[in-house]
N, C-alpha and C. Protein backbone atom coordinates (compact mmCIF):
# COMPACT_ATOMS: atom_id res chain seq x y z
N MET A 1 0.84 -1.26 -0.01
CA MET A 1 0.06 0.05 0.05
C MET A 1 0.71 1.48 0.09
N ILE A 2 1.72 1.34 0.84
CA ILE A 2 2.66 2.49 1.06
C ILE A 2 3.55 2.54 -0.35
N LYS A 3 3.93 1.47 -0.92
CA LYS A 3 4.63 1.67 -2.22
C LYS A 3 3.84 2.13 -3.34
N THR A 4 2.30 1.46 -3.49
CA THR A 4 1.66 2.15 -4.21
C THR A 4 1.16 3.63 -4.18
N ILE A 5 1.06 4.17 -3.09
CA ILE A 5 1.04 5.54 -2.94
C ILE A 5 2.26 6.39 -3.53
N PHE A 6 3.02 5.91 -3.15
CA PHE A 6 4.47 6.34 -3.34
C PHE A 6 4.80 6.49 -4.85
N LEU A 7 3.96 5.08 -5.84
CA LEU A 7 4.26 5.30 -7.21
C LEU A 7 3.27 6.36 -7.89
N VAL A 8 2.15 6.27 -7.06
CA VAL A 8 0.81 7.39 -7.47
C VAL A 8 1.50 8.71 -7.34
N ALA A 9 2.10 8.87 -6.36
CA ALA A 9 2.54 10.45 -5.87
C ALA A 9 3.65 10.95 -7.03
N LEU A 10 4.64 9.69 -7.15
CA LEU A 10 5.82 10.30 -8.10
C LEU A 10 5.31 10.33 -9.53
N GLY A 11 4.37 9.50 -9.94
CA GLY A 11 4.01 9.82 -11.29
C GLY A 11 3.31 10.86 -11.40
N GLY A 12 2.13 11.07 -10.26
CA GLY A 12 1.31 12.28 -10.26
C GLY A 12 2.25 13.74 -10.46
N GLY A 13 3.60 13.62 -9.66
CA GLY A 13 4.32 14.84 -9.95
C GLY A 13 4.78 15.11 -10.89
N ILE A 14 5.34 14.03 -11.77
CA ILE A 14 6.12 14.35 -13.03
C ILE A 14 4.90 14.62 -13.89
N GLY A 15 3.67 14.18 -14.16
CA GLY A 15 2.55 14.27 -14.72
C GLY A 15 2.31 15.73 -14.60
N SER A 16 2.02 16.21 -13.33
CA SER A 16 1.68 17.67 -12.94
C SER A 16 2.90 18.90 -13.44
N ALA A 17 4.19 18.38 -13.58
CA ALA A 17 5.18 18.95 -13.84
C ALA A 17 5.03 19.24 -15.49
N LEU A 18 5.11 17.94 -15.95
CA LEU A 18 4.79 18.20 -17.54
C LEU A 18 3.57 18.82 -17.81
N ARG A 19 2.35 18.56 -17.31
CA ARG A 19 1.45 19.74 -17.58
C ARG A 19 1.72 21.27 -17.73
N TYR A 20 2.42 21.49 -16.52
CA TYR A 20 3.08 23.05 -16.44
C TYR A 20 3.94 23.42 -17.80
N ILE A 21 4.92 22.49 -17.94
CA ILE A 21 5.85 22.74 -18.87
C ILE A 21 5.02 22.67 -20.22
N THR A 22 3.73 22.08 -20.63
CA THR A 22 3.26 21.92 -21.91
C THR A 22 2.39 23.40 -21.89
N SER A 23 1.72 23.64 -20.85
CA SER A 23 1.31 25.01 -20.65
C SER A 23 1.93 26.20 -21.13
N ILE A 24 2.90 26.27 -20.21
CA ILE A 24 4.03 27.61 -20.79
C ILE A 24 4.68 27.41 -21.90
N THR A 25 4.99 26.06 -22.55
CA THR A 25 5.31 26.10 -23.84
C THR A 25 4.32 26.41 -25.02
N VAL A 26 3.19 26.12 -25.17
CA VAL A 26 2.09 26.49 -25.77
C VAL A 26 1.76 27.87 -25.59
N GLU A 27 1.64 28.37 -24.44
CA GLU A 27 1.37 29.88 -24.29
C GLU A 27 2.51 30.77 -24.84
N LYS A 28 3.88 30.35 -24.92
CA LYS A 28 4.91 30.98 -25.65
C LYS A 28 4.57 31.49 -26.75
N TYR A 29 4.09 30.29 -27.43
CA TYR A 29 3.96 30.50 -29.09
C TYR A 29 2.50 30.73 -29.54
N TYR A 30 1.48 30.48 -28.48
CA TYR A 30 0.15 30.73 -29.04
C TYR A 30 -0.64 31.56 -27.81
N VAL A 31 -0.77 32.65 -28.52
CA VAL A 31 -1.81 33.70 -27.51
C VAL A 31 -3.27 33.72 -28.04
N SER A 32 -4.08 33.46 -27.01
CA SER A 32 -5.50 33.49 -27.29
C SER A 32 -6.48 33.22 -26.26
N VAL A 33 -7.53 33.50 -26.17
CA VAL A 33 -8.63 33.41 -25.17
C VAL A 33 -8.75 31.79 -25.42
N PHE A 34 -8.63 31.04 -26.56
CA PHE A 34 -9.12 29.66 -26.35
C PHE A 34 -8.03 28.76 -25.51
N PRO A 35 -8.42 27.78 -25.13
CA PRO A 35 -7.38 27.25 -24.20
C PRO A 35 -6.95 26.29 -24.70
N LEU A 36 -5.73 26.36 -25.69
CA LEU A 36 -5.43 25.50 -26.53
C LEU A 36 -4.40 24.52 -25.64
N ALA A 37 -3.39 25.21 -24.88
CA ALA A 37 -2.60 24.21 -23.94
C ALA A 37 -3.29 23.13 -23.29
N THR A 38 -4.56 23.95 -22.49
CA THR A 38 -5.27 22.35 -21.75
C THR A 38 -6.15 21.34 -22.91
N LEU A 39 -6.74 21.99 -24.12
CA LEU A 39 -6.97 20.79 -25.25
C LEU A 39 -5.88 20.00 -25.48
N ILE A 40 -4.65 20.45 -25.70
CA ILE A 40 -3.42 19.74 -26.32
C ILE A 40 -2.97 18.57 -24.92
N THR A 41 -3.14 19.20 -23.66
CA THR A 41 -2.92 18.23 -22.69
C THR A 41 -3.66 17.35 -22.19
N ASN A 42 -5.29 17.77 -22.52
CA ASN A 42 -6.30 16.81 -22.65
C ASN A 42 -6.07 15.56 -23.55
N VAL A 43 -6.02 15.93 -24.90
CA VAL A 43 -5.94 15.13 -26.02
C VAL A 43 -4.78 14.04 -25.65
N LEU A 44 -3.75 14.83 -25.27
CA LEU A 44 -2.36 13.92 -25.42
C LEU A 44 -2.34 13.15 -24.25
N GLY A 45 -3.29 13.68 -23.27
CA GLY A 45 -3.24 12.48 -22.16
C GLY A 45 -4.15 11.29 -22.34
N CYS A 46 -5.14 11.61 -23.25
CA CYS A 46 -6.19 10.52 -23.49
C CYS A 46 -5.34 9.47 -24.46
N PHE A 47 -4.75 10.17 -25.80
CA PHE A 47 -3.80 9.39 -26.30
C PHE A 47 -2.87 8.25 -25.71
N LEU A 48 -2.20 9.02 -24.53
CA LEU A 48 -1.07 8.10 -23.78
C LEU A 48 -1.50 7.00 -23.05
N ILE A 49 -2.90 7.48 -22.38
CA ILE A 49 -3.73 6.29 -21.57
C ILE A 49 -4.07 5.45 -22.33
N GLY A 50 -4.71 5.29 -23.60
CA GLY A 50 -4.96 4.63 -24.41
C GLY A 50 -3.77 3.58 -24.90
N ILE A 51 -2.50 4.38 -25.09
CA ILE A 51 -1.28 3.52 -25.57
C ILE A 51 -1.25 2.53 -24.37
N ALA A 52 -1.00 3.31 -23.08
CA ALA A 52 -0.71 2.71 -22.20
C ALA A 52 -1.58 1.35 -21.54
N ILE A 53 -2.76 1.77 -21.63
CA ILE A 53 -4.13 0.65 -20.90
C ILE A 53 -3.81 -0.61 -22.14
N THR A 54 -3.52 -0.39 -23.59
CA THR A 54 -3.52 -1.32 -24.62
C THR A 54 -2.24 -2.42 -24.19
N GLN A 55 -0.82 -1.60 -24.11
CA GLN A 55 0.09 -2.27 -23.61
C GLN A 55 0.23 -2.92 -22.59
N LEU A 56 -0.46 -2.57 -21.50
CA LEU A 56 -0.55 -3.34 -19.79
C LEU A 56 -1.30 -4.71 -20.23
N ASP A 57 -2.32 -4.54 -21.26
CA ASP A 57 -3.22 -5.53 -21.11
C ASP A 57 -2.59 -6.59 -22.07
N LYS A 58 -2.12 -6.02 -23.29
CA LYS A 58 -1.23 -7.04 -24.18
C LYS A 58 0.05 -7.87 -23.32
N PHE A 59 0.46 -7.14 -22.33
CA PHE A 59 1.83 -7.87 -21.70
C PHE A 59 1.24 -8.35 -20.27
N ASP A 60 -0.24 -8.43 -20.22
CA ASP A 60 -0.85 -9.00 -18.92
C ASP A 60 -0.18 -8.26 -17.81
N LEU A 61 0.07 -6.86 -17.73
CA LEU A 61 0.69 -5.97 -16.61
C LEU A 61 -0.39 -5.16 -15.99
N MET A 62 -1.87 -5.52 -15.99
CA MET A 62 -2.95 -4.85 -15.68
C MET A 62 -2.87 -4.62 -14.17
N ASN A 63 -1.96 -5.58 -13.14
CA ASN A 63 -1.83 -5.24 -12.09
C ASN A 63 -0.54 -5.08 -11.49
N SER A 64 0.29 -4.29 -12.47
CA SER A 64 2.02 -3.85 -12.07
C SER A 64 1.65 -2.50 -11.58
N ASN A 65 3.07 -2.42 -11.00
CA ASN A 65 3.42 -1.03 -10.43
C ASN A 65 3.34 0.05 -11.43
N PHE A 66 3.56 -0.52 -12.77
CA PHE A 66 3.87 0.51 -13.95
C PHE A 66 2.24 1.32 -13.92
N LYS A 67 1.16 0.24 -13.76
CA LYS A 67 -0.10 0.76 -13.91
C LYS A 67 -0.30 2.06 -13.02
N TRP A 68 0.05 2.03 -11.49
CA TRP A 68 -0.24 2.71 -10.53
C TRP A 68 0.55 3.82 -10.85
N PHE A 69 1.95 4.10 -11.42
CA PHE A 69 2.85 4.97 -11.60
C PHE A 69 2.33 5.58 -13.01
N PHE A 70 2.19 5.05 -13.88
CA PHE A 70 1.83 5.75 -15.17
C PHE A 70 0.09 6.09 -15.24
N ILE A 71 -0.59 5.07 -15.44
CA ILE A 71 -1.99 5.37 -15.54
C ILE A 71 -2.68 6.04 -14.22
N THR A 72 -2.56 6.06 -13.23
CA THR A 72 -3.16 6.66 -12.25
C THR A 72 -2.41 7.97 -11.65
N GLY A 73 -1.11 7.85 -11.67
CA GLY A 73 0.06 8.71 -11.25
C GLY A 73 0.02 9.93 -12.29
N PHE A 74 0.90 9.53 -13.47
CA PHE A 74 1.51 10.34 -14.56
C PHE A 74 0.10 10.84 -15.12
N CYS A 75 -0.60 10.11 -15.59
CA CYS A 75 -1.99 10.56 -16.42
C CYS A 75 -2.78 11.27 -15.81
N GLY A 76 -2.87 10.75 -14.18
CA GLY A 76 -3.80 11.61 -13.54
C GLY A 76 -3.25 12.77 -12.90
N GLY A 77 -1.91 12.91 -12.73
CA GLY A 77 -1.31 14.31 -12.71
C GLY A 77 -1.25 15.11 -14.15
N TYR A 78 -1.36 14.56 -14.89
CA TYR A 78 -1.12 15.24 -16.19
C TYR A 78 -2.36 16.06 -16.70
N THR A 79 -3.59 15.01 -16.75
CA THR A 79 -4.76 15.32 -16.91
C THR A 79 -5.82 14.04 -16.56
N THR A 80 -6.84 14.79 -15.66
CA THR A 80 -7.88 13.72 -15.11
C THR A 80 -8.78 13.28 -16.46
N PHE A 81 -8.75 14.16 -17.61
CA PHE A 81 -9.68 13.67 -18.62
C PHE A 81 -9.32 12.52 -19.26
N SER A 82 -8.12 12.38 -19.27
CA SER A 82 -7.71 10.87 -19.67
C SER A 82 -8.46 9.86 -19.07
N ALA A 83 -8.61 9.92 -17.96
CA ALA A 83 -9.17 8.97 -16.97
C ALA A 83 -10.72 8.96 -17.35
N PHE A 84 -11.54 10.04 -17.59
CA PHE A 84 -12.73 10.35 -18.13
C PHE A 84 -13.12 9.50 -19.53
N GLY A 85 -12.19 9.99 -20.19
CA GLY A 85 -12.05 9.45 -21.64
C GLY A 85 -12.15 7.82 -21.71
N LEU A 86 -11.05 7.27 -20.73
CA LEU A 86 -10.55 5.86 -20.53
C LEU A 86 -12.22 5.18 -19.98
N GLU A 87 -12.75 6.06 -19.19
CA GLU A 87 -13.79 5.29 -18.55
C GLU A 87 -15.11 5.43 -19.41
N ASN A 88 -15.08 6.00 -20.03
CA ASN A 88 -16.32 6.38 -21.32
C ASN A 88 -16.03 5.35 -22.30
N ILE A 89 -14.88 5.22 -22.68
CA ILE A 89 -14.76 4.10 -23.73
C ILE A 89 -15.03 2.62 -23.22
N ASN A 90 -14.56 2.61 -21.77
CA ASN A 90 -15.02 0.93 -21.49
C ASN A 90 -16.17 0.93 -21.40
N LEU A 91 -17.03 1.71 -21.03
CA LEU A 91 -18.55 2.03 -20.55
C LEU A 91 -19.13 1.62 -22.21
N LEU A 92 -18.60 2.32 -23.36
CA LEU A 92 -19.34 1.89 -24.57
C LEU A 92 -18.82 0.77 -25.04
N GLN A 93 -17.28 0.38 -24.79
CA GLN A 93 -17.16 -1.22 -25.35
C GLN A 93 -17.86 -2.20 -24.42
N ASN A 94 -18.24 -1.99 -23.43
CA ASN A 94 -19.04 -2.81 -22.65
C ASN A 94 -20.71 -2.64 -22.92
N ASN A 95 -20.96 -2.03 -24.08
CA ASN A 95 -22.59 -1.80 -24.47
C ASN A 95 -23.28 -1.44 -23.34
N HIS A 96 -22.75 -0.34 -22.78
CA HIS A 96 -23.33 0.41 -21.98
C HIS A 96 -23.36 1.76 -22.42
N SER A 97 -23.76 2.13 -23.61
CA SER A 97 -23.68 3.20 -24.35
C SER A 97 -24.73 4.22 -23.52
N GLY A 98 -25.88 4.16 -22.99
CA GLY A 98 -26.82 4.96 -22.20
C GLY A 98 -26.06 5.50 -20.89
N LEU A 99 -25.38 4.53 -20.44
CA LEU A 99 -24.59 5.11 -19.21
C LEU A 99 -23.48 6.18 -19.46
N ALA A 100 -22.49 5.65 -20.63
CA ALA A 100 -21.46 6.41 -21.24
C ALA A 100 -22.07 7.86 -21.50
N PHE A 101 -23.45 8.23 -22.15
CA PHE A 101 -23.73 9.38 -22.38
C PHE A 101 -24.14 10.19 -21.49
N LEU A 102 -24.73 9.27 -20.37
CA LEU A 102 -25.38 10.08 -18.86
C LEU A 102 -24.01 10.61 -18.20
N TYR A 103 -22.97 9.70 -18.17
CA TYR A 103 -22.06 10.37 -17.43
C TYR A 103 -20.98 11.31 -18.28
N ILE A 104 -21.02 11.39 -19.32
CA ILE A 104 -20.47 12.55 -20.30
C ILE A 104 -21.59 13.55 -20.15
N GLY A 105 -22.47 13.70 -20.21
CA GLY A 105 -23.63 14.72 -20.14
C GLY A 105 -23.62 15.47 -18.52
N LEU A 106 -23.72 14.49 -17.91
CA LEU A 106 -23.68 14.98 -16.15
C LEU A 106 -22.23 15.34 -15.64
N SER A 107 -21.32 14.93 -16.20
CA SER A 107 -19.81 15.44 -16.02
C SER A 107 -19.51 16.70 -16.44
N ILE A 108 -20.08 17.04 -17.84
CA ILE A 108 -19.89 18.33 -18.27
C ILE A 108 -20.80 19.36 -17.42
N THR A 109 -22.00 18.92 -17.60
CA THR A 109 -22.83 20.04 -17.00
C THR A 109 -22.99 20.21 -15.50
N THR A 110 -22.65 18.98 -14.73
CA THR A 110 -22.50 19.34 -13.15
C THR A 110 -21.00 19.84 -13.13
N GLY A 111 -20.07 19.61 -13.88
CA GLY A 111 -18.44 20.28 -13.85
C GLY A 111 -18.62 21.85 -13.70
N LEU A 112 -19.46 22.33 -15.17
CA LEU A 112 -19.57 23.85 -15.10
C LEU A 112 -20.39 24.13 -14.25
N LEU A 113 -21.63 23.78 -13.78
CA LEU A 113 -22.17 24.22 -12.35
C LEU A 113 -21.56 24.56 -11.30
N ALA A 114 -20.68 23.13 -10.91
CA ALA A 114 -19.71 23.23 -10.03
C ALA A 114 -18.93 24.65 -10.08
N VAL A 115 -18.13 24.53 -11.08
CA VAL A 115 -17.12 25.63 -11.14
C VAL A 115 -17.95 26.92 -11.14
N TRP A 116 -19.13 27.31 -11.59
CA TRP A 116 -20.02 28.74 -11.28
C TRP A 116 -20.25 28.58 -9.85
N LEU A 117 -20.75 27.83 -9.37
CA LEU A 117 -21.06 27.79 -8.10
C LEU A 117 -20.08 28.28 -7.02
N GLY A 118 -18.92 27.32 -7.34
CA GLY A 118 -17.57 27.92 -6.77
C GLY A 118 -17.13 29.24 -6.70
N LEU A 119 -17.30 29.51 -8.02
CA LEU A 119 -16.84 30.94 -8.22
C LEU A 119 -17.88 32.17 -7.37
N ASN A 120 -19.00 31.87 -7.38
CA ASN A 120 -20.35 32.62 -7.07
C ASN A 120 -19.89 32.75 -5.35
N ILE A 121 -19.90 31.59 -4.65
CA ILE A 121 -19.83 31.44 -3.29
C ILE A 121 -18.46 32.00 -3.06
N ALA A 122 -17.39 32.06 -3.59
CA ALA A 122 -15.99 32.63 -3.05
C ALA A 122 -16.15 34.14 -2.99
N LYS A 123 -16.98 34.59 -3.96
CA LYS A 123 -17.46 36.13 -4.15
C LYS A 123 -17.54 36.72 -2.99
């Protein structure tokens, strides 16, 4: 348990640092109100989690330390959107499309509402 927590924390720290580097790099070359750095981070995180899950499954490593370090830690620190993407793909692949679309809709609407509520409560 302690080892797993350490692996998640280490991966998460590296992912968070890379997210920061991605943001400042994109913002250095692209100035706009459109959140391109976040979009790039989210898409890249989804791409990486897709590759990693496939490889972990292919080599029977789903219960390995690498999963905790890279999937939960790194991808979670880099972007939680990657986990959201993976969870929805899993729902769709397991013929739970109604649940997937419910989860997508609820996540987006309640997430936006929660941000709005937080902003207004904090004022």
